[in-house]
Protein backbone atom coordinates (compact mmCIF):
# COMPACT_ATOMS: atom_id res chain seq x y z
CA UNK A 1 15.74 -3.10 -9.30
CA UNK A 2 14.82 -6.77 -9.68
CA UNK A 3 14.67 -9.16 -12.57
CA UNK A 4 11.24 -9.24 -14.27
CA UNK A 5 10.86 -12.95 -13.48
CA UNK A 6 11.31 -12.21 -9.77
CA UNK A 7 8.33 -9.87 -9.75
CA UNK A 8 5.96 -12.82 -9.42
CA UNK A 9 7.04 -13.55 -5.87
CA UNK A 10 6.32 -11.53 -2.72
CA UNK A 11 9.27 -9.59 -1.36
CA UNK A 12 9.98 -9.05 2.35
CA UNK A 13 9.08 -5.58 3.55
CA UNK A 14 12.68 -5.15 4.66
CA UNK A 15 13.77 -4.98 1.01
CA UNK A 16 11.63 -1.89 0.57
CA UNK A 17 14.16 -0.01 2.73
CA UNK A 18 17.37 -1.66 1.55
CA UNK A 19 17.05 -1.86 -2.24
CA UNK A 20 18.88 0.98 -4.01
CA UNK A 21 19.89 2.40 -0.62
CA UNK A 22 16.28 3.51 -0.23
CA UNK A 23 16.22 4.24 3.51
CA UNK A 24 19.40 6.31 3.38
CA UNK A 25 18.02 8.36 0.50
CA UNK A 26 14.74 8.85 2.35
CA UNK A 27 16.49 10.09 5.48
CA UNK A 28 18.69 12.32 3.37
CA UNK A 29 15.69 14.15 1.92
CA UNK A 30 13.04 13.73 4.65
CA UNK A 31 15.11 13.13 7.79
CA UNK A 32 13.71 16.13 9.68
CA UNK A 33 10.16 14.73 9.49
CA UNK A 34 11.13 11.30 10.89
CA UNK A 35 10.97 11.06 14.68
CA UNK A 36 13.85 9.50 16.65
CA UNK A 37 11.56 6.66 17.79
CA UNK A 38 10.60 5.84 14.19
CA UNK A 39 14.28 5.75 13.22
CA UNK A 40 14.99 3.31 16.03
CA UNK A 41 12.07 1.06 15.02
CA UNK A 42 13.14 0.95 11.38
CA UNK A 43 16.78 0.37 12.30
CA UNK A 44 15.83 -2.53 14.55
CA UNK A 45 13.68 -3.98 11.77
CA UNK A 46 16.58 -3.77 9.31
CA UNK A 47 18.91 -5.47 11.81
CA UNK A 48 16.38 -8.18 12.72
CA UNK A 49 17.72 -11.66 12.13
CA UNK A 50 21.31 -10.45 11.66
CA UNK A 51 24.35 -10.64 13.90
CA UNK A 52 23.88 -6.97 14.79
CA UNK A 53 21.04 -8.01 17.13
CA UNK A 54 23.08 -10.72 18.84
CA UNK A 55 23.66 -14.44 18.25
CA UNK A 56 22.94 -17.58 20.24
CA UNK A 57 24.81 -20.81 19.60
CA UNK A 58 23.24 -24.26 20.06
CA UNK A 59 25.23 -27.52 19.94
CA UNK A 60 24.02 -31.08 19.48
CA UNK A 61 23.51 -32.96 22.75
CA UNK A 62 25.02 -36.14 21.29
CA UNK A 63 28.72 -36.58 22.22
CA UNK A 64 29.37 -38.13 18.80
CA UNK A 65 27.99 -35.17 16.82
CA UNK A 66 29.78 -31.86 16.28
CA UNK A 67 26.86 -30.03 14.68
CA UNK A 68 26.21 -26.44 15.80
CA UNK A 69 23.49 -24.00 14.84
CA UNK A 70 23.43 -20.25 15.26
CA UNK A 71 20.26 -18.22 15.84
CA UNK A 72 20.23 -14.46 15.36
CA UNK A 73 18.08 -12.49 17.77
CA UNK A 74 14.82 -10.90 16.67
CA UNK A 75 14.10 -7.20 17.07
CA UNK A 76 10.54 -7.22 18.50
CA UNK A 77 9.90 -3.93 16.73
CA UNK A 78 6.42 -2.83 15.68
CA UNK A 79 7.88 -2.02 12.28
CA UNK A 80 8.91 -5.66 11.68
CA UNK A 81 6.45 -8.01 9.98
CA UNK A 82 8.26 -11.16 11.20
CA UNK A 83 8.26 -10.17 14.87
CA UNK A 84 4.75 -8.78 14.51
CA UNK A 85 3.50 -12.19 13.39
CA UNK A 86 4.83 -13.83 16.56
CA UNK A 87 3.39 -11.08 18.77
CA UNK A 88 0.01 -11.48 17.04
CA UNK A 89 -0.15 -15.22 17.70
CA UNK A 90 0.78 -14.68 21.34
CA UNK A 91 -1.87 -11.97 21.79
CA UNK A 92 -4.59 -14.13 20.21
CA UNK A 93 -3.64 -17.06 22.45
CA UNK A 94 -3.75 -14.82 25.52
CA UNK A 95 -7.27 -13.59 24.76
CA UNK A 96 -8.62 -17.15 24.44
CA UNK A 97 -8.71 -17.66 28.21
CA UNK A 98 -9.97 -14.18 29.15
CA UNK A 99 -12.96 -13.30 26.97
CA UNK A 100 -16.27 -14.83 28.14
CA UNK A 101 -18.28 -17.11 25.90
CA UNK A 102 -21.32 -14.93 25.22
CA UNK A 103 -22.86 -12.85 22.43
CA UNK A 104 -20.60 -10.07 21.14
CA UNK A 105 -21.19 -7.04 18.91
CA UNK A 106 -18.45 -5.65 16.68
CA UNK A 107 -18.77 -1.92 15.90
CA UNK A 108 -16.55 0.19 13.64
CA UNK A 109 -16.39 3.94 14.34
CA UNK A 110 -15.32 6.18 11.46
CA UNK A 111 -15.40 9.90 10.79
CA UNK A 112 -15.63 12.17 7.70
CA UNK A 113 -12.48 12.20 5.60
CA UNK A 114 -12.06 15.96 6.09
CA UNK A 115 -11.22 15.31 9.75
CA UNK A 116 -8.49 12.71 9.08
CA UNK A 117 -5.59 15.20 8.64
CA UNK A 118 -6.07 16.58 12.16
CA UNK A 119 -5.17 13.18 13.65
CA UNK A 120 -2.13 12.65 11.44
CA UNK A 121 0.75 11.60 13.76
CA UNK A 122 -1.05 13.30 16.65
CA UNK A 123 -0.81 10.40 19.09
CA UNK A 124 -2.10 12.30 22.18
CA UNK A 125 -5.25 13.06 20.18
CA UNK A 126 -5.52 9.47 18.92
CA UNK A 127 -5.17 8.30 22.50
CA UNK A 128 -8.41 10.08 23.42
CA UNK A 129 -10.35 8.49 20.55
CA UNK A 130 -10.72 5.30 22.58
CA UNK A 131 -12.81 7.03 25.24
CA UNK A 132 -14.84 8.82 22.58
CA UNK A 133 -15.77 5.48 20.98
CA UNK A 134 -16.59 3.60 24.21
CA UNK A 135 -18.39 6.43 25.97
CA UNK A 136 -21.76 5.60 24.42
CA UNK A 137 -21.81 1.91 25.38
CA UNK A 138 -20.48 2.44 28.91
CA UNK A 139 -22.91 5.30 29.58
CA UNK A 140 -25.93 3.36 28.31
CA UNK A 141 -24.99 0.16 30.18
CA UNK A 142 -24.37 1.89 33.53
CA UNK A 143 -27.74 3.63 33.31
CA UNK A 144 -29.24 0.15 33.36
CA UNK A 145 -27.00 -1.01 36.21
CA UNK A 146 -25.00 -3.36 33.98
CA UNK A 147 -21.22 -3.71 33.62
CA UNK A 148 -20.32 -4.78 30.07
CA UNK A 149 -16.97 -5.95 28.71
CA UNK A 150 -15.25 -4.03 25.91
CA UNK A 151 -11.98 -4.34 24.04
CA UNK A 152 -11.19 -1.92 21.25
CA UNK A 153 -8.36 -1.30 18.82
CA UNK A 154 -7.13 1.73 16.90
CA UNK A 155 -6.39 1.53 13.18
CA UNK A 156 -4.65 4.51 11.63
CA UNK A 157 -4.54 3.33 8.02
CA UNK A 158 -6.85 2.19 5.26
CA UNK A 159 -6.36 -0.50 2.66
CA UNK A 160 -4.27 1.88 0.55
CA UNK A 161 -2.02 2.71 3.55
CA UNK A 162 -3.48 6.21 3.60
CA UNK A 163 -4.33 8.13 6.77
CA UNK A 164 -7.67 6.73 7.92
CA UNK A 165 -8.05 6.81 11.73
CA UNK A 166 -10.91 4.65 13.01
CA UNK A 167 -11.75 2.54 16.05
CA UNK A 168 -12.87 -1.09 16.16
CA UNK A 169 -14.92 -1.93 19.26
CA UNK A 170 -16.05 -5.38 20.40
CA UNK A 171 -18.62 -5.24 23.21
CA UNK A 172 -20.59 -7.94 24.99
CA UNK A 173 -24.31 -8.00 24.20
CA UNK A 174 -24.96 -8.34 27.89
CA UNK A 175 -23.33 -7.61 31.19
CA UNK A 176 -23.11 -8.32 34.85
CA UNK A 177 -25.95 -6.83 36.89
CA UNK A 178 -24.24 -4.96 39.70
CA UNK A 179 -27.24 -5.40 42.04
CA UNK A 180 -28.07 -9.05 41.56
CA UNK A 181 -24.86 -10.53 40.13
CA UNK A 182 -26.66 -12.19 37.20
CA UNK A 183 -26.09 -11.89 33.47
CA UNK A 184 -28.44 -9.42 31.81
CA UNK A 185 -28.87 -8.93 28.07
CA UNK A 186 -28.49 -5.44 26.64
CA UNK A 187 -29.19 -3.80 23.28
CA UNK A 188 -27.35 -0.77 21.86
CA UNK A 189 -29.25 1.71 19.70
CA UNK A 190 -27.26 2.63 16.61
CA UNK A 191 -28.55 6.19 16.30
CA UNK A 192 -27.84 7.00 19.95
CA UNK A 193 -24.33 5.53 19.74
CA UNK A 194 -23.57 7.44 16.52
CA UNK A 195 -24.78 10.74 18.00
CA UNK A 196 -22.59 10.39 21.11
CA UNK A 197 -19.60 9.46 18.90
CA UNK A 198 -20.07 12.53 16.68
CA UNK A 199 -20.40 14.79 19.70
CA UNK A 200 -17.35 13.31 21.46
CA UNK A 201 -15.05 13.66 18.43
CA UNK A 202 -16.09 17.21 17.58
CA UNK A 203 -15.67 18.26 21.24
CA UNK A 204 -12.27 16.60 21.30
CA UNK A 205 -11.13 18.54 18.22
CA UNK A 206 -12.67 21.80 19.45
CA UNK A 207 -10.87 21.60 22.80
CA UNK A 208 -7.50 20.86 21.15
CA UNK A 209 -7.36 23.78 18.73
CA UNK A 210 -3.95 24.95 19.95
CA UNK A 211 -2.43 21.46 19.76
CA UNK A 212 -3.75 20.84 16.24
CA UNK A 213 -3.12 24.33 14.83
CA UNK A 214 -5.34 23.66 11.78
CA UNK A 215 -4.22 26.80 9.90
CA UNK A 216 -0.74 25.27 9.53
CA UNK A 217 -2.04 22.15 7.73
CA UNK A 218 -2.18 22.08 3.92
CA UNK A 219 -5.57 23.12 2.60
CA UNK A 220 -6.79 24.54 5.93
CA UNK A 221 -5.21 28.00 5.96
CA UNK A 222 -8.69 29.55 6.11
CA UNK A 223 -9.15 28.27 9.69
CA UNK A 224 -7.35 31.25 11.18
CA UNK A 225 -9.05 31.48 14.58
CA UNK A 226 -11.16 29.45 16.98
CA UNK A 227 -14.42 30.95 15.75
CA UNK A 228 -13.83 29.65 12.21
CA UNK A 229 -12.57 26.36 13.69
CA UNK A 230 -15.81 25.86 15.63
CA UNK A 231 -17.88 26.73 12.57
CA UNK A 232 -15.90 24.21 10.50
CA UNK A 233 -16.43 21.46 13.08
CA UNK A 234 -20.15 22.21 13.27
CA UNK A 235 -20.38 21.71 9.50
CA UNK A 236 -18.57 18.37 9.79
CA UNK A 237 -20.90 17.35 12.61
CA UNK A 238 -23.81 17.53 10.17
CA UNK A 239 -22.13 15.24 7.64
CA UNK A 240 -22.64 11.49 7.44
CA UNK A 241 -20.65 9.59 10.07
CA UNK A 242 -20.59 5.88 9.36
CA UNK A 243 -20.81 3.69 12.45
CA UNK A 244 -21.04 0.09 11.26
CA UNK A 245 -22.77 -2.48 13.48
CA UNK A 246 -21.85 -6.03 12.47
CA UNK A 247 -24.13 -8.95 13.22
CA UNK A 248 -23.77 -10.29 16.72
CA UNK A 249 -21.68 -13.43 17.06
CA UNK A 250 -21.29 -16.12 19.67
CA UNK A 251 -17.86 -15.56 21.14
CA UNK A 252 -15.28 -12.92 20.22
CA UNK A 253 -12.83 -15.17 18.37
CA UNK A 254 -13.52 -13.74 14.91
CA UNK A 255 -12.97 -10.19 16.17
CA UNK A 256 -9.82 -11.22 18.02
CA UNK A 257 -8.30 -12.85 14.94
CA UNK A 258 -9.31 -9.95 12.71
CA UNK A 259 -7.92 -7.26 15.01
CA UNK A 260 -4.80 -9.28 15.77
CA UNK A 261 -3.66 -8.96 12.18
CA UNK A 262 -3.38 -5.18 12.57
CA UNK A 263 -2.38 -4.66 16.20
CA UNK A 264 1.12 -6.08 16.31
CA UNK A 265 2.22 -5.95 12.68
CA UNK A 266 3.19 -3.11 10.35
CA UNK A 267 0.44 -1.92 8.00
CA UNK A 268 1.75 -3.84 4.98
CA UNK A 269 2.91 -7.44 4.71
CA UNK A 270 5.25 -9.13 2.27
CA UNK A 271 2.35 -10.63 0.34
CA UNK A 272 0.98 -7.15 -0.44
CA UNK A 273 4.29 -5.95 -1.99
CA UNK A 274 4.51 -7.87 -5.23
CA UNK A 275 7.57 -6.34 -6.83
CA UNK A 276 9.78 -3.32 -7.23
CA UNK A 277 10.79 -2.23 -10.70
CA UNK A 278 12.37 0.98 -11.90
CA UNK A 279 11.84 2.74 -8.58
CA UNK A 280 8.14 1.80 -8.45
CA UNK A 281 6.38 -0.37 -5.87
CA UNK A 282 3.22 -2.29 -6.72
CA UNK A 283 0.89 -2.58 -3.71
CA UNK A 284 -2.07 -4.99 -3.76
CA UNK A 285 -5.13 -4.17 -1.67
CA UNK A 286 -8.80 -5.10 -1.42
CA UNK A 287 -11.26 -2.36 -2.37
CA UNK A 288 -14.45 -2.61 -0.26
CA UNK A 289 -16.41 -0.41 -2.64
CA UNK A 290 -15.84 -2.52 -5.74
CA UNK A 291 -15.26 -5.74 -3.75
CA UNK A 292 -12.27 -6.51 -5.94
CA UNK A 293 -8.51 -6.66 -5.49
CA UNK A 294 -6.74 -3.68 -6.99
CA UNK A 295 -3.16 -2.55 -7.51
CA UNK A 296 -1.64 0.80 -6.70
CA UNK A 297 1.76 1.87 -8.00
CA UNK A 298 3.84 4.14 -5.78
CA UNK A 299 7.40 5.33 -5.77
CA UNK A 300 9.75 3.72 -3.29
CA UNK A 301 9.94 6.96 -1.30
CA UNK A 302 6.15 7.35 -1.11
CA UNK A 303 5.76 3.74 -0.04
CA UNK A 304 8.30 4.10 2.77
CA UNK A 305 6.55 7.28 3.89
CA UNK A 306 3.20 5.50 4.09
CA UNK A 307 4.86 2.61 5.91
CA UNK A 308 6.50 4.56 8.72
CA UNK A 309 3.70 7.03 9.53
CA UNK A 310 1.67 4.15 11.00
CA UNK A 311 4.38 3.01 13.44
CA UNK A 312 2.90 3.72 16.90
CA UNK A 313 4.57 6.11 19.27
CA UNK A 314 6.69 4.66 22.07
CA UNK A 315 4.56 2.97 24.79
CA UNK A 316 1.36 3.66 22.84
CA UNK A 317 -1.22 0.89 23.41
CA UNK A 318 -3.10 0.04 20.25
CA UNK A 319 -5.69 -2.05 22.13
CA UNK A 320 -7.58 -1.01 25.28
CA UNK A 321 -9.97 -2.76 27.66
CA UNK A 322 -13.01 -1.32 29.45
CA UNK A 323 -15.79 -2.48 31.74
CA UNK A 324 -15.21 -5.79 33.50
CA UNK A 325 -12.25 -6.41 31.15
CA UNK A 326 -10.32 -3.36 32.37
CA UNK A 327 -7.20 -4.10 34.39
CA UNK A 328 -8.48 -2.60 37.63
CA UNK A 329 -11.78 -4.54 37.51
CA UNK A 330 -10.77 -7.77 35.79
CA UNK A 331 -9.54 -9.60 38.89
CA UNK A 332 -12.73 -8.89 40.86
CA UNK A 333 -15.46 -9.06 38.20
CA UNK A 334 -14.30 -11.72 35.73
CA UNK A 335 -14.89 -14.63 38.17
CA UNK A 336 -18.40 -13.27 38.78
CA UNK A 337 -18.98 -13.04 35.01
CA UNK A 338 -17.89 -16.67 34.54
CA UNK A 339 -20.19 -17.71 37.38
CA UNK A 340 -23.15 -15.80 35.93
CA UNK A 341 -22.57 -17.43 32.53
CA UNK A 342 -21.99 -20.86 34.14
CA UNK A 343 -18.51 -21.02 32.68
CA UNK A 344 -15.41 -22.62 34.09
CA UNK A 345 -12.38 -20.39 34.45
CA UNK A 346 -9.86 -21.29 31.78
CA UNK A 347 -6.23 -21.96 32.49
CA UNK A 348 -3.72 -19.44 31.25
CA UNK A 349 -2.35 -20.84 27.97
CA UNK A 350 1.30 -20.95 27.16
CA UNK A 351 2.26 -18.28 24.68
CA UNK A 352 3.57 -19.85 21.46
CA UNK A 353 7.29 -19.25 21.18
CA UNK A 354 9.80 -19.49 18.36
CA UNK A 355 9.91 -23.30 18.26
CA UNK A 356 6.11 -23.73 18.34
CA UNK A 357 5.58 -21.27 15.48
CA UNK A 358 8.32 -22.92 13.40
CA UNK A 359 6.74 -26.35 13.89
CA UNK A 360 3.27 -25.07 13.03
CA UNK A 361 4.04 -23.08 9.90
CA UNK A 362 7.31 -24.51 8.52
CA UNK A 363 6.82 -28.10 9.75
CA UNK A 364 10.37 -28.15 11.14
CA UNK A 365 11.79 -28.30 14.65
CA UNK A 366 14.54 -25.64 14.92
CA UNK A 367 16.08 -27.36 17.95
CA UNK A 368 16.48 -30.76 16.30
CA UNK A 369 19.88 -31.71 14.92
CA UNK A 370 19.72 -32.15 11.15
CA UNK A 371 22.57 -34.71 11.22
CA UNK A 372 21.67 -37.16 13.99
CA UNK A 373 18.18 -36.09 15.09
CA UNK A 374 19.10 -35.37 18.72
CA UNK A 375 18.16 -32.18 20.57
CA UNK A 376 20.23 -29.01 20.35
CA UNK A 377 21.30 -27.43 23.61
CA UNK A 378 22.21 -23.84 24.36
CA UNK A 379 25.96 -23.34 24.32
CA UNK A 380 26.84 -19.65 24.26
CA UNK A 381 25.63 -16.20 23.23
CA UNK A 382 27.06 -13.00 21.87
CA UNK A 383 25.39 -9.70 22.71
CA UNK A 384 24.23 -7.46 19.91
CA UNK A 385 24.82 -3.79 19.37
CA UNK A 386 22.59 -1.06 20.72
CA UNK A 387 20.19 0.34 18.16
CA UNK A 388 21.26 3.91 18.85
CA UNK A 389 24.75 2.99 17.62
CA UNK A 390 23.31 1.65 14.36
CA UNK A 391 21.25 4.82 13.88
CA UNK A 392 24.28 7.02 14.58
CA UNK A 393 26.36 5.10 12.04
CA UNK A 394 23.68 5.45 9.39
CA UNK A 395 23.33 9.19 9.94
CA UNK A 396 27.12 9.53 9.84
CA UNK A 397 27.24 7.70 6.50
CA UNK A 398 24.52 9.98 5.12
CA UNK A 399 26.40 13.12 6.20
CA UNK A 400 29.62 11.74 4.75
CA UNK A 401 27.98 11.08 1.37
CA UNK A 402 26.57 14.59 1.38
CA UNK A 403 30.01 16.00 2.06
CA UNK A 404 31.58 13.95 -0.72
CA UNK A 405 28.89 15.04 -3.18
CA UNK A 406 29.43 18.67 -2.16
CA UNK A 407 33.18 18.31 -2.66
CA UNK A 408 32.66 16.73 -6.09
CA UNK A 409 30.23 19.47 -7.11
CA UNK A 410 32.58 22.20 -5.85
């Protein structure tokens, strides 16, 4: 696919879908398993930064300069690594003025690997995992008359881009006393939290037997009725469930930056895809068990499959807030939290836009004329095409190629 010398450099994730007509071939053989929303997200990602998304024209403000510059619109798709980077920086900046400056605890909730397949692309079920993970902390804190602050994020993939649903929770190591309005420290017992998590997940799976239909999944044909399903879940309940408690930290900035890398971006970045050669994709990842970087070779089709299964469903929120950080309580309780911690309310920061990110990472001002140094001003714009049109064209091309191949074979 590429020259051997080019394999030393990272390749944009977009090339994974375009090289050798990869996305068309994938849809031709696996199109029925790809949801319409996923097709739209991938199509927007492929059109990102091209004239298909629309163009804006900027002209130099100097009357003696005729320089013009054209900017193609971005797609803002969750499948796009470029747009995901911008969204990540904006989300991190937004959290900086909300989260209180106190001790925080980061907790990772996992489950046995035999339960992973039941959450595969089951977004209604994944939606309920948030409550299962936060139930223990909220229940324990409210028993003590304390309102804690929690933000948590869902990760559906592991380092190898495999299905690995787990929840990251960051919780304050204290809360607002609802009786006295003072800040009160609180300690979470690991064993109690783990027991409530195990119970919540197994009850969630037990109550959704009809939605999951485990007998239809590969390797689970023996789970023919609810009685066998309950017995299977009881066996998994007795297995080891790893709930990792990290050391408490002052402030939540480390957790925010860590989670931000996964919330708004696709599961794989350009730096992880080293090269494509002969239909194979080399994926670099960090192995926690060996604490070393390893490489995994996959076919282009397998890599695209692992890429798209982690694109969230439409309107699905990958991060949630609870306690005094929840939307319905934030306006009333956050000022009281700042007062109890003797903090000053921070001003809402400006979200970094296109120009700010370009200056920070590329050391260039996109709105500065490269000829005379004056500012560029907006001149005109051309609207892009609707993504549904692009998807329809692609599917039409695929059907046309099938018809031509059938004619040639006949």
